[in-house]
C-alpha atoms as a PDB file:
ATOM      1  CA  MET A   1    -119.388  30.377  72.755  1.00  0.00           C
ATOM      2  CA  MET A   2    -120.358  30.372  76.510  1.00  0.00           C
ATOM      3  CA  PRO A   3    -123.253  28.081  77.548  1.00  0.00           C
ATOM      4  CA  GLU A   4    -125.846  29.555  79.713  1.00  0.00           C
ATOM      5  CA  LYS A   5    -126.981  27.638  82.740  1.00  0.00           C
ATOM      6  CA  ASN A   6    -130.542  26.180  82.658  1.00  0.00           C
ATOM      7  CA  SER A   7    -130.881  26.990  78.921  1.00  0.00           C
ATOM      8  CA  PHE A   8    -129.787  25.085  75.680  1.00  0.00           C
ATOM      9  CA  PHE A   9    -128.221  22.050  77.383  1.00  0.00           C
ATOM     10  CA  MET A  10    -129.047  20.785  80.984  1.00  0.00           C
ATOM     11  CA  PRO A  11    -126.275  19.786  83.288  1.00  0.00           C
ATOM     12  CA  GLY A  12    -124.747  16.400  82.778  1.00  0.00           C
ATOM     13  CA  ALA A  13    -122.376  14.286  84.400  1.00  0.00           C
ATOM     14  CA  LEU A  14    -118.637  15.081  84.453  1.00  0.00           C
ATOM     15  CA  LEU A  15    -117.081  13.910  81.105  1.00  0.00           C
ATOM     16  CA  LEU A  16    -113.840  11.832  81.208  1.00  0.00           C
ATOM     17  CA  LEU A  17    -111.084  12.780  78.944  1.00  0.00           C
ATOM     18  CA  PHE A  18    -108.617  10.511  77.524  1.00  0.00           C
ATOM     19  CA  ALA A  19    -106.310   9.724  74.461  1.00  0.00           C
ATOM     20  CA  GLN A  20    -105.201   6.411  72.871  1.00  0.00           C
ATOM     21  CA  SER A  21    -102.860   7.611  70.225  1.00  0.00           C
ATOM     22  CA  SER A  22    -101.052  11.016  68.912  1.00  0.00           C
ATOM     23  CA  LEU A  23    -100.412  12.865  65.809  1.00  0.00           C
ATOM     24  CA  PHE A  24     -97.291  14.886  65.541  1.00  0.00           C
ATOM     25  CA  GLY A  25     -96.749  14.435  69.232  1.00  0.00           C
ATOM     26  CA  GLN A  26    -100.108  15.842  70.303  1.00  0.00           C
ATOM     27  CA  PRO A  27    -102.120  13.531  72.489  1.00  0.00           C
ATOM     28  CA  GLY A  28    -105.618  12.829  71.876  1.00  0.00           C
ATOM     29  CA  ILE A  29    -105.754  13.250  68.178  1.00  0.00           C
ATOM     30  CA  VAL A  30    -105.596  10.328  65.471  1.00  0.00           C
ATOM     31  CA  SER A  31    -105.669  10.816  61.572  1.00  0.00           C
ATOM     32  CA  LEU A  32    -107.139   7.837  59.774  1.00  0.00           C
ATOM     33  CA  GLY A  33    -105.709   7.531  55.983  1.00  0.00           C
ATOM     34  CA  ASP A  34    -104.604  10.393  53.839  1.00  0.00           C
ATOM     35  CA  LYS A  35    -104.181  13.642  56.042  1.00  0.00           C
ATOM     36  CA  ASN A  36    -104.921  15.829  53.001  1.00  0.00           C
ATOM     37  CA  ALA A  37    -108.134  13.948  51.813  1.00  0.00           C
ATOM     38  CA  ILE A  38    -111.440  15.649  51.123  1.00  0.00           C
ATOM     39  CA  VAL A  39    -114.170  13.893  53.184  1.00  0.00           C
ATOM     40  CA  TYR A  40    -117.615  14.477  51.589  1.00  0.00           C
ATOM     41  CA  ASP A  41    -119.549  12.410  54.374  1.00  0.00           C
ATOM     42  CA  LEU A  42    -118.786   9.738  56.954  1.00  0.00           C
ATOM     43  CA  THR A  43    -121.246   7.382  59.300  1.00  0.00           C
ATOM     44  CA  LEU A  44    -120.527   5.453  62.049  1.00  0.00           C
ATOM     45  CA  ASP A  45    -121.791   2.001  63.231  1.00  0.00           C
ATOM     46  CA  SER A  46    -121.175   2.134  66.958  1.00  0.00           C
ATOM     47  CA  VAL A  47    -122.279  -1.660  67.533  1.00  0.00           C
ATOM     48  CA  ARG A  48    -119.349  -2.778  65.304  1.00  0.00           C
ATOM     49  CA  GLY A  49    -116.986   0.005  66.014  1.00  0.00           C
ATOM     50  CA  ILE A  50    -117.101   0.866  62.189  1.00  0.00           C
ATOM     51  CA  LEU A  51    -116.815   4.058  60.207  1.00  0.00           C
ATOM     52  CA  ALA A  52    -117.338   4.554  56.452  1.00  0.00           C
ATOM     53  CA  ALA A  53    -116.135   7.662  54.740  1.00  0.00           C
ATOM     54  CA  SER A  54    -116.815   9.101  51.197  1.00  0.00           C
ATOM     55  CA  LEU A  55    -113.546  10.813  49.895  1.00  0.00           C
ATOM     56  CA  GLY A  56    -114.914  11.772  46.312  1.00  0.00           C
ATOM     57  CA  ASP A  57    -113.461   8.948  44.310  1.00  0.00           C
ATOM     58  CA  ARG A  58    -113.740   6.055  46.877  1.00  0.00           C
ATOM     59  CA  ILE A  59    -115.311   4.743  50.145  1.00  0.00           C
ATOM     60  CA  GLU A  60    -112.972   3.576  52.826  1.00  0.00           C
ATOM     61  CA  VAL A  61    -114.280   1.503  55.894  1.00  0.00           C
ATOM     62  CA  TRP A  62    -112.191   1.724  59.172  1.00  0.00           C
ATOM     63  CA  ASP A  63    -112.418   0.045  62.286  1.00  0.00           C
ATOM     64  CA  TYR A  64    -112.011   3.195  64.405  1.00  0.00           C
ATOM     65  CA  ARG A  65    -111.358   1.640  67.681  1.00  0.00           C
ATOM     66  CA  ASN A  66    -108.183   0.003  66.481  1.00  0.00           C
ATOM     67  CA  GLU A  67    -107.372   2.517  63.696  1.00  0.00           C
ATOM     68  CA  VAL A  68    -107.369  -0.112  61.004  1.00  0.00           C
ATOM     69  CA  LEU A  69    -108.573   0.285  57.396  1.00  0.00           C
ATOM     70  CA  LEU A  70    -110.914  -2.811  56.615  1.00  0.00           C
ATOM     71  CA  LYS A  71    -111.787  -1.936  53.163  1.00  0.00           C
ATOM     72  CA  SER A  72    -111.753   0.543  50.374  1.00  0.00           C
ATOM     73  CA  TRP A  73    -113.332   0.577  46.987  1.00  0.00           C
ATOM     74  CA  LYS A  74    -114.017   2.999  44.050  1.00  0.00           C
ATOM     75  CA  ALA A  75    -116.916   5.117  44.306  1.00  0.00           C
ATOM     76  CA  PRO A  76    -116.812   8.121  42.191  1.00  0.00           C
ATOM     77  CA  ARG A  77    -118.677  11.382  43.157  1.00  0.00           C
ATOM     78  CA  VAL A  78    -120.610   9.940  46.166  1.00  0.00           C
ATOM     79  CA  LEU A  79    -121.865  12.965  48.485  1.00  0.00           C
ATOM     80  CA  ALA A  80    -123.632  11.218  51.111  1.00  0.00           C
ATOM     81  CA  ILE A  81    -123.652   7.704  52.770  1.00  0.00           C
ATOM     82  CA  ASP A  82    -125.565   5.901  55.546  1.00  0.00           C
ATOM     83  CA  PHE A  83    -124.993   2.715  57.462  1.00  0.00           C
ATOM     84  CA  ARG A  84    -127.586   0.023  58.153  1.00  0.00           C
ATOM     85  CA  GLY A  85    -125.914  -3.126  59.645  1.00  0.00           C
ATOM     86  CA  GLU A  86    -123.579  -4.228  57.192  1.00  0.00           C
ATOM     87  CA  ARG A  87    -125.276  -2.355  54.199  1.00  0.00           C
ATOM     88  CA  LEU A  88    -123.939   0.953  53.017  1.00  0.00           C
ATOM     89  CA  ALA A  89    -126.226   3.412  51.141  1.00  0.00           C
ATOM     90  CA  GLY A  90    -124.593   6.066  48.805  1.00  0.00           C
ATOM     91  CA  ALA A  91    -126.123   8.963  46.927  1.00  0.00           C
ATOM     92  CA  SER A  92    -123.951  10.368  44.024  1.00  0.00           C
ATOM     93  CA  MET A  93    -123.702  13.699  42.127  1.00  0.00           C
ATOM     94  CA  GLU A  94    -125.036  11.635  38.924  1.00  0.00           C
ATOM     95  CA  GLY A  95    -128.528  11.098  40.970  1.00  0.00           C
ATOM     96  CA  ASN A  96    -127.496   7.516  41.697  1.00  0.00           C
ATOM     97  CA  ILE A  97    -128.547   5.531  44.683  1.00  0.00           C
ATOM     98  CA  VAL A  98    -125.966   2.686  45.250  1.00  0.00           C
ATOM     99  CA  VAL A  99    -126.166   0.013  48.112  1.00  0.00           C
ATOM    100  CA  TRP A 100    -123.036  -1.968  49.042  1.00  0.00           C
ATOM    101  CA  ASN A 101    -121.907  -4.640  51.361  1.00  0.00           C
ATOM    102  CA  SER A 102    -119.728  -2.798  53.709  1.00  0.00           C
ATOM    103  CA  LEU A 103    -117.491  -5.844  54.413  1.00  0.00           C
ATOM    104  CA  SER A 104    -116.705  -6.806  50.891  1.00  0.00           C
ATOM    105  CA  GLY A 105    -117.298  -3.497  48.879  1.00  0.00           C
ATOM    106  CA  ASN A 106    -119.560  -5.606  46.641  1.00  0.00           C
ATOM    107  CA  GLU A 107    -122.306  -3.723  45.059  1.00  0.00           C
ATOM    108  CA  ILE A 108    -125.924  -4.944  46.071  1.00  0.00           C
ATOM    109  CA  ALA A 109    -128.109  -2.433  44.253  1.00  0.00           C
ATOM    110  CA  LYS A 110    -127.732   0.662  41.835  1.00  0.00           C
ATOM    111  CA  ALA A 111    -130.217   2.878  40.145  1.00  0.00           C
ATOM    112  CA  LYS A 112    -130.449   6.247  38.616  1.00  0.00           C
ATOM    113  CA  VAL A 113    -133.096   7.864  40.391  1.00  0.00           C
ATOM    114  CA  SER A 114    -132.780  11.761  39.458  1.00  0.00           C
ATOM    115  CA  ASP A 115    -131.364  13.932  36.977  1.00  0.00           C
ATOM    116  CA  SER A 116    -130.149  16.106  39.702  1.00  0.00           C
ATOM    117  CA  PRO A 117    -127.393  15.698  42.103  1.00  0.00           C
ATOM    118  CA  LEU A 118    -128.435  13.861  45.472  1.00  0.00           C
ATOM    119  CA  THR A 119    -127.419  15.780  48.594  1.00  0.00           C
ATOM    120  CA  CYS A 120    -128.476  13.404  51.308  1.00  0.00           C
ATOM    121  CA  ILE A 121    -129.432   9.858  52.147  1.00  0.00           C
ATOM    122  CA  HIS A 122    -130.842   7.960  55.189  1.00  0.00           C
ATOM    123  CA  TRP A 123    -131.995   4.421  55.735  1.00  0.00           C
ATOM    124  CA  ILE A 124    -135.995   4.346  56.897  1.00  0.00           C
ATOM    125  CA  ASP A 125    -135.844   0.458  57.607  1.00  0.00           C
ATOM    126  CA  SER A 126    -134.207  -2.531  56.401  1.00  0.00           C
ATOM    127  CA  THR A 127    -135.779  -2.259  52.875  1.00  0.00           C
ATOM    128  CA  PHE A 128    -136.198   1.516  52.331  1.00  0.00           C
ATOM    129  CA  ALA A 129    -133.662   4.315  51.884  1.00  0.00           C
ATOM    130  CA  VAL A 130    -134.651   7.887  51.302  1.00  0.00           C
ATOM    131  CA  ALA A 131    -132.706  10.409  49.402  1.00  0.00           C
ATOM    132  CA  GLY A 132    -133.037  14.165  48.713  1.00  0.00           C
ATOM    133  CA  SER A 133    -131.974  15.867  45.584  1.00  0.00           C
ATOM    134  CA  ASP A 134    -130.652  19.325  44.590  1.00  0.00           C
ATOM    135  CA  SER A 135    -133.858  20.105  42.663  1.00  0.00           C
ATOM    136  CA  GLY A 136    -135.935  19.425  45.614  1.00  0.00           C
ATOM    137  CA  GLU A 137    -137.058  15.761  45.056  1.00  0.00           C
ATOM    138  CA  ILE A 138    -137.509  13.272  48.124  1.00  0.00           C
ATOM    139  CA  ILE A 139    -136.972   9.848  46.767  1.00  0.00           C
ATOM    140  CA  LYS A 140    -138.143   6.647  48.512  1.00  0.00           C
ATOM    141  CA  PHE A 141    -135.940   3.704  47.257  1.00  0.00           C
ATOM    142  CA  ASN A 142    -136.557   0.090  47.638  1.00  0.00           C
ATOM    143  CA  THR A 143    -133.152  -1.568  48.280  1.00  0.00           C
ATOM    144  CA  LYS A 144    -134.309  -5.240  47.936  1.00  0.00           C
ATOM    145  CA  ILE A 145    -135.504  -4.720  44.321  1.00  0.00           C
ATOM    146  CA  GLY A 146    -133.436  -1.516  43.136  1.00  0.00           C
ATOM    147  CA  LYS A 147    -136.085   0.539  42.095  1.00  0.00           C
ATOM    148  CA  THR A 148    -137.893   3.990  43.211  1.00  0.00           C
ATOM    149  CA  GLU A 149    -140.869   3.642  45.283  1.00  0.00           C
ATOM    150  CA  SER A 150    -141.989   7.255  45.102  1.00  0.00           C
ATOM    151  CA  VAL A 151    -140.943  10.695  44.327  1.00  0.00           C
ATOM    152  CA  THR A 152    -142.211  13.897  46.177  1.00  0.00           C
ATOM    153  CA  LYS A 153    -141.220  17.229  44.554  1.00  0.00           C
ATOM    154  CA  THR A 154    -140.755  19.995  47.128  1.00  0.00           C
ATOM    155  CA  GLY A 155    -139.389  22.796  45.008  1.00  0.00           C
ATOM    156  CA  ARG A 156    -136.431  23.677  47.259  1.00  0.00           C
ATOM    157  CA  THR A 157    -132.922  21.797  47.672  1.00  0.00           C
ATOM    158  CA  VAL A 158    -133.173  18.993  50.034  1.00  0.00           C
ATOM    159  CA  THR A 159    -130.181  19.734  52.464  1.00  0.00           C
ATOM    160  CA  ALA A 160    -130.753  17.024  55.217  1.00  0.00           C
ATOM    161  CA  LEU A 161    -132.688  14.024  56.150  1.00  0.00           C
ATOM    162  CA  ALA A 162    -133.390  12.528  59.638  1.00  0.00           C
ATOM    163  CA  VAL A 163    -135.777   9.582  60.636  1.00  0.00           C
ATOM    164  CA  THR A 164    -137.147   8.409  64.048  1.00  0.00           C
ATOM    165  CA  GLY A 165    -135.818   5.324  65.459  1.00  0.00           C
ATOM    166  CA  GLY A 166    -138.914   3.147  64.177  1.00  0.00           C
ATOM    167  CA  GLY A 167    -138.692   4.645  60.637  1.00  0.00           C
ATOM    168  CA  LYS A 168    -142.244   5.896  61.125  1.00  0.00           C
ATOM    169  CA  VAL A 169    -141.517   9.804  60.638  1.00  0.00           C
ATOM    170  CA  LEU A 170    -139.292  11.345  58.282  1.00  0.00           C
ATOM    171  CA  PHE A 171    -138.029  14.937  58.843  1.00  0.00           C
ATOM    172  CA  SER A 172    -136.513  16.907  55.735  1.00  0.00           C
ATOM    173  CA  ALA A 173    -134.871  20.345  55.734  1.00  0.00           C
ATOM    174  CA  ASN A 174    -134.174  22.761  52.777  1.00  0.00           C
ATOM    175  CA  SER A 175    -132.252  25.648  51.442  1.00  0.00           C
ATOM    176  CA  LYS A 176    -135.272  27.975  52.562  1.00  0.00           C
ATOM    177  CA  GLY A 177    -134.638  27.103  56.172  1.00  0.00           C
ATOM    178  CA  GLN A 178    -137.843  25.124  56.250  1.00  0.00           C
ATOM    179  CA  ILE A 179    -138.110  21.623  58.136  1.00  0.00           C
ATOM    180  CA  TYR A 180    -141.068  19.191  57.068  1.00  0.00           C
ATOM    181  CA  SER A 181    -142.320  15.975  58.362  1.00  0.00           C
ATOM    182  CA  TRP A 182    -143.852  12.976  56.510  1.00  0.00           C
ATOM    183  CA  ASN A 183    -145.413   9.848  58.058  1.00  0.00           C
ATOM    184  CA  ASP A 184    -147.266   6.952  56.746  1.00  0.00           C
ATOM    185  CA  ARG A 185    -150.593   7.792  57.906  1.00  0.00           C
ATOM    186  CA  SER A 186    -150.731  11.422  56.562  1.00  0.00           C
ATOM    187  CA  ASP A 187    -148.955  10.358  53.338  1.00  0.00           C
ATOM    188  CA  GLN A 188    -147.969  13.998  52.873  1.00  0.00           C
ATOM    189  CA  PHE A 189    -145.052  16.444  53.942  1.00  0.00           C
ATOM    190  CA  ILE A 190    -146.406  18.838  56.592  1.00  0.00           C
ATOM    191  CA  PHE A 191    -144.481  22.172  57.403  1.00  0.00           C
ATOM    192  CA  VAL A 192    -143.167  21.983  61.037  1.00  0.00           C
ATOM    193  CA  GLY A 193    -140.464  24.658  61.416  1.00  0.00           C
ATOM    194  CA  ASN A 194    -138.606  27.559  59.963  1.00  0.00           C
ATOM    195  CA  ASP A 195    -135.180  29.558  59.986  1.00  0.00           C
ATOM    196  CA  HIS A 196    -133.522  32.148  57.739  1.00  0.00           C
ATOM    197  CA  GLY A 197    -130.986  30.560  55.299  1.00  0.00           C
ATOM    198  CA  TRP A 198    -130.090  26.917  54.653  1.00  0.00           C
ATOM    199  CA  VAL A 199    -130.727  24.379  57.157  1.00  0.00           C
ATOM    200  CA  ARG A 200    -127.465  22.376  56.929  1.00  0.00           C
ATOM    201  CA  ASP A 201    -128.136  19.476  59.157  1.00  0.00           C
ATOM    202  CA  ILE A 202    -130.680  17.860  61.395  1.00  0.00           C
ATOM    203  CA  ARG A 203    -130.444  15.170  63.967  1.00  0.00           C
ATOM    204  CA  ILE A 204    -132.904  13.220  65.950  1.00  0.00           C
ATOM    205  CA  SER A 205    -132.281  12.168  69.743  1.00  0.00           C
ATOM    206  CA  GLN A 206    -132.193   8.445  70.416  1.00  0.00           C
ATOM    207  CA  ASP A 207    -135.480   8.633  72.262  1.00  0.00           C
ATOM    208  CA  ASP A 208    -137.083  10.408  69.258  1.00  0.00           C
ATOM    209  CA  LYS A 209    -138.199  13.426  71.682  1.00  0.00           C
ATOM    210  CA  THR A 210    -135.832  15.968  70.245  1.00  0.00           C
ATOM    211  CA  LEU A 211    -134.690  17.331  67.005  1.00  0.00           C
ATOM    212  CA  VAL A 212    -131.559  19.794  66.534  1.00  0.00           C
ATOM    213  CA  SER A 213    -131.071  21.762  63.475  1.00  0.00           C
ATOM    214  CA  ALA A 214    -128.091  23.733  62.161  1.00  0.00           C
ATOM    215  CA  ASN A 215    -128.293  26.661  60.052  1.00  0.00           C
ATOM    216  CA  ASP A 216    -125.772  28.443  57.945  1.00  0.00           C
ATOM    217  CA  ASN A 217    -126.579  31.721  59.639  1.00  0.00           C
ATOM    218  CA  GLY A 218    -124.548  30.214  62.664  1.00  0.00           C
ATOM    219  CA  SER A 219    -127.757  29.068  64.689  1.00  0.00           C
ATOM    220  CA  ILE A 220    -128.440  25.744  66.528  1.00  0.00           C
ATOM    221  CA  LYS A 221    -132.058  25.131  67.144  1.00  0.00           C
ATOM    222  CA  ARG A 222    -133.448  22.601  69.400  1.00  0.00           C
ATOM    223  CA  TRP A 223    -136.954  21.353  68.858  1.00  0.00           C
ATOM    224  CA  ARG A 224    -139.341  19.241  71.045  1.00  0.00           C
ATOM    225  CA  ILE A 225    -141.053  16.538  68.806  1.00  0.00           C
ATOM    226  CA  ILE A 226    -144.700  16.984  70.066  1.00  0.00           C
ATOM    227  CA  ASP A 227    -146.116  14.591  67.551  1.00  0.00           C
ATOM    228  CA  ASP A 228    -145.811  13.398  64.035  1.00  0.00           C
ATOM    229  CA  ASN A 229    -146.665  16.805  62.577  1.00  0.00           C
ATOM    230  CA  ARG A 230    -145.588  19.302  65.154  1.00  0.00           C
ATOM    231  CA  LEU A 231    -142.359  20.762  66.495  1.00  0.00           C
ATOM    232  CA  GLU A 232    -141.906  23.226  69.182  1.00  0.00           C
ATOM    233  CA  MET A 233    -138.842  25.287  69.620  1.00  0.00           C
ATOM    234  CA  ILE A 234    -137.083  24.748  72.758  1.00  0.00           C
ATOM    235  CA  ASP A 235    -134.230  27.169  72.640  1.00  0.00           C
ATOM    236  CA  LYS A 236    -131.533  28.529  70.328  1.00  0.00           C
ATOM    237  CA  LYS A 237    -127.907  29.079  70.274  1.00  0.00           C
ATOM    238  CA  ARG A 238    -125.693  31.058  67.807  1.00  0.00           C
ATOM    239  CA  THR A 239    -122.092  30.617  66.768  1.00  0.00           C
ATOM    240  CA  ASP A 240    -119.455  32.737  64.882  1.00  0.00           C
ATOM    241  CA  SER A 241    -119.584  30.909  61.663  1.00  0.00           C
ATOM    242  CA  TRP A 242    -121.817  28.863  59.222  1.00  0.00           C
ATOM    243  CA  VAL A 243    -122.884  25.640  60.894  1.00  0.00           C
ATOM    244  CA  LEU A 244    -122.187  22.793  58.528  1.00  0.00           C
ATOM    245  CA  CYS A 245    -122.950  19.673  60.526  1.00  0.00           C
ATOM    246  CA  LEU A 246    -123.545  18.384  63.822  1.00  0.00           C
ATOM    247  CA  ASP A 247    -124.274  15.437  66.122  1.00  0.00           C
ATOM    248  CA  TYR A 248    -126.538  15.088  69.213  1.00  0.00           C
ATOM    249  CA  GLN A 249    -126.568  12.807  71.912  1.00  0.00           C
ATOM    250  CA  ALA A 250    -129.243  12.658  74.898  1.00  0.00           C
ATOM    251  CA  LYS A 251    -129.753  10.414  78.027  1.00  0.00           C
ATOM    252  CA  GLY A 252    -132.403  11.657  80.108  1.00  0.00           C
ATOM    253  CA  LYS A 253    -131.666  15.113  81.131  1.00  0.00           C
ATOM    254  CA  LYS A 254    -128.166  14.948  80.085  1.00  0.00           C
ATOM    255  CA  ASN A 255    -127.251  15.919  76.507  1.00  0.00           C
ATOM    256  CA  ASN A 256    -124.351  16.926  74.414  1.00  0.00           C
ATOM    257  CA  THR A 257    -124.000  18.437  70.729  1.00  0.00           C
ATOM    258  CA  ALA A 258    -121.042  18.358  68.758  1.00  0.00           C
ATOM    259  CA  ILE A 259    -120.933  21.222  65.987  1.00  0.00           C
ATOM    260  CA  GLY A 260    -118.736  21.516  63.030  1.00  0.00           C
ATOM    261  CA  LEU A 261    -118.252  24.966  61.362  1.00  0.00           C
ATOM    262  CA  ARG A 262    -117.220  26.455  58.151  1.00  0.00           C
ATOM    263  CA  ASN A 263    -113.929  27.960  59.650  1.00  0.00           C
ATOM    264  CA  GLY A 264    -112.667  24.906  60.768  1.00  0.00           C
ATOM    265  CA  ARG A 265    -113.956  25.046  64.429  1.00  0.00           C
ATOM    266  CA  ILE A 266    -115.414  22.299  66.381  1.00  0.00           C
ATOM    267  CA  ILE A 267    -117.526  22.897  69.639  1.00  0.00           C
ATOM    268  CA  ILE A 268    -118.896  20.279  71.796  1.00  0.00           C
ATOM    269  CA  VAL A 269    -121.585  21.896  73.992  1.00  0.00           C
ATOM    270  CA  THR A 270    -122.302  20.181  77.484  1.00  0.00           C
ATOM    271  CA  GLY A 271    -124.421  21.304  80.448  1.00  0.00           C
ATOM    272  CA  PHE A 272    -121.274  22.472  82.359  1.00  0.00           C
ATOM    273  CA  GLY A 273    -119.003  23.744  79.658  1.00  0.00           C
ATOM    274  CA  ASP A 274    -117.800  23.872  76.098  1.00  0.00           C
ATOM    275  CA  TYR A 275    -114.904  21.891  74.343  1.00  0.00           C
ATOM    276  CA  HIS A 276    -113.247  23.513  71.316  1.00  0.00           C
ATOM    277  CA  TYR A 277    -110.947  22.675  68.662  1.00  0.00           C
ATOM    278  CA  LYS A 278    -109.856  24.131  65.378  1.00  0.00           C
ATOM    279  CA  VAL A 279    -108.378  22.705  62.057  1.00  0.00           C
ATOM    280  CA  ASN A 280    -107.400  24.404  59.002  1.00  0.00           C
ATOM    281  CA  SER A 281    -110.297  23.062  56.818  1.00  0.00           C
ATOM    282  CA  MET A 282    -114.224  23.226  56.757  1.00  0.00           C
ATOM    283  CA  ILE A 283    -115.767  20.642  59.037  1.00  0.00           C
ATOM    284  CA  ASN A 284    -118.077  18.585  56.519  1.00  0.00           C
ATOM    285  CA  ARG A 285    -119.072  15.941  59.028  1.00  0.00           C
ATOM    286  CA  ILE A 286    -118.993  15.450  62.897  1.00  0.00           C
ATOM    287  CA  ALA A 287    -120.124  12.520  64.856  1.00  0.00           C
ATOM    288  CA  ILE A 288    -119.948  11.779  68.686  1.00  0.00           C
ATOM    289  CA  ILE A 289    -118.525   8.320  69.301  1.00  0.00           C
ATOM    290  CA  LYS A 290    -121.417   7.801  71.568  1.00  0.00           C
ATOM    291  CA  GLU A 291    -120.552   4.252  73.041  1.00  0.00           C
ATOM    292  CA  LEU A 292    -117.718   5.994  74.974  1.00  0.00           C
ATOM    293  CA  SER A 293    -120.340   8.127  76.921  1.00  0.00           C
ATOM    294  CA  PRO A 294    -119.217   9.853  79.341  1.00  0.00           C
ATOM    295  CA  ILE A 295    -115.862  10.267  77.699  1.00  0.00           C
ATOM    296  CA  ILE A 296    -115.878  12.920  74.989  1.00  0.00           C
ATOM    297  CA  LYS A 297    -114.579  11.769  71.769  1.00  0.00           C
ATOM    298  CA  VAL A 298    -115.481  12.793  68.188  1.00  0.00           C
ATOM    299  CA  VAL A 299    -114.738  12.057  64.642  1.00  0.00           C
ATOM    300  CA  ILE A 300    -114.575  14.666  61.930  1.00  0.00           C
ATOM    301  CA  GLY A 301    -114.564  14.436  58.088  1.00  0.00           C
ATOM    302  CA  THR A 302    -112.756  17.557  56.892  1.00  0.00           C
ATOM    303  CA  HIS A 303    -112.380  19.424  53.508  1.00  0.00           C
ATOM    304  CA  GLY A 304    -108.756  18.876  52.988  1.00  0.00           C
ATOM    305  CA  GLU A 305    -107.296  17.131  56.239  1.00  0.00           C
ATOM    306  CA  GLY A 306    -108.767  13.925  56.005  1.00  0.00           C
ATOM    307  CA  ILE A 307    -110.569  11.868  58.879  1.00  0.00           C
ATOM    308  CA  LYS A 308    -109.451  12.892  62.559  1.00  0.00           C
ATOM    309  CA  ILE A 309    -110.521  11.305  65.990  1.00  0.00           C
ATOM    310  CA  ILE A 310    -110.330  13.898  68.288  1.00  0.00           C
ATOM    311  CA  SER A 311    -110.580  13.377  72.353  1.00  0.00           C
ATOM    312  CA  GLY A 312    -111.681  15.977  74.918  1.00  0.00           C
ATOM    313  CA  ASN A 313    -108.135  16.220  76.303  1.00  0.00           C
ATOM    314  CA  ALA A 314    -106.726  17.634  73.030  1.00  0.00           C
ATOM    315  CA  MET A 315    -109.377  20.357  73.244  1.00  0.00           C
ATOM    316  CA  SER A 316    -109.569  23.827  75.109  1.00  0.00           C
ATOM    317  CA  PHE A 317    -112.326  24.042  77.538  1.00  0.00           C
ATOM    318  CA  SER A 318    -114.554  26.958  78.727  1.00  0.00           C
ATOM    319  CA  GLU A 319    -117.121  26.957  81.560  1.00  0.00           C
END
């Protein structure tokens, strides 16, 4: 995929490349833990330099800067996780929301909130987390008392959730290619965007001005958040495979997007060129290690090759 000048991503500063470790003699690539693991989801806390990963039967918490496993505990069939400080929220195939202390692995709260598998979860603020279900429910959960606050039925599988920095606006995506928004003032979901096929992932920029969506038709769309209830599409890119996950980093006019594909490719799109790498498994989750900017470094959760940290100098580059 060749980036076009003055289109999807505006020019940014030159990205520095580096490697701290190697895997099988290849610089710039690190594997954490079981190299054959299926990683269903992972989430980063860049302040602490910590990542948590759900591996189907357990949760692992890693110091990714020093490549040290800090904690591991049993957590069967957890499909989605999200950090909030030291707390980790998880959503399971059994319809349970669980909250753990990520330092000890101790369970803080647990409740069955749906008869359907939960597909995604996101913290709203320090009290509430929100989860989406396979049957189309959006469930607001009070983590302090361990009870469901509200349930909204949308009629379509909820595939992704994103929340603005202040927790005031929630965006949800579904299996029909639709994006909806919700805020406290309107107290209802409002249709704001559309695409064909499943929207697999959505991300909001740190300044809350941009939303990026990934679709299984291979498209990546960038949307301007006009207000709580309106999106305006800025531009669109297309890849050669289903886009299963993405991450987005924006600082002023400089922005980068990391994309994980079903065919095992990862692409990092910058304003002056693209970085490429390929593994032999689907990419279930990808995250930019943002505190290293302008250095290019991502962590991926794969469907059969475990957790990998990949630096830009291990990737190919095309202008």
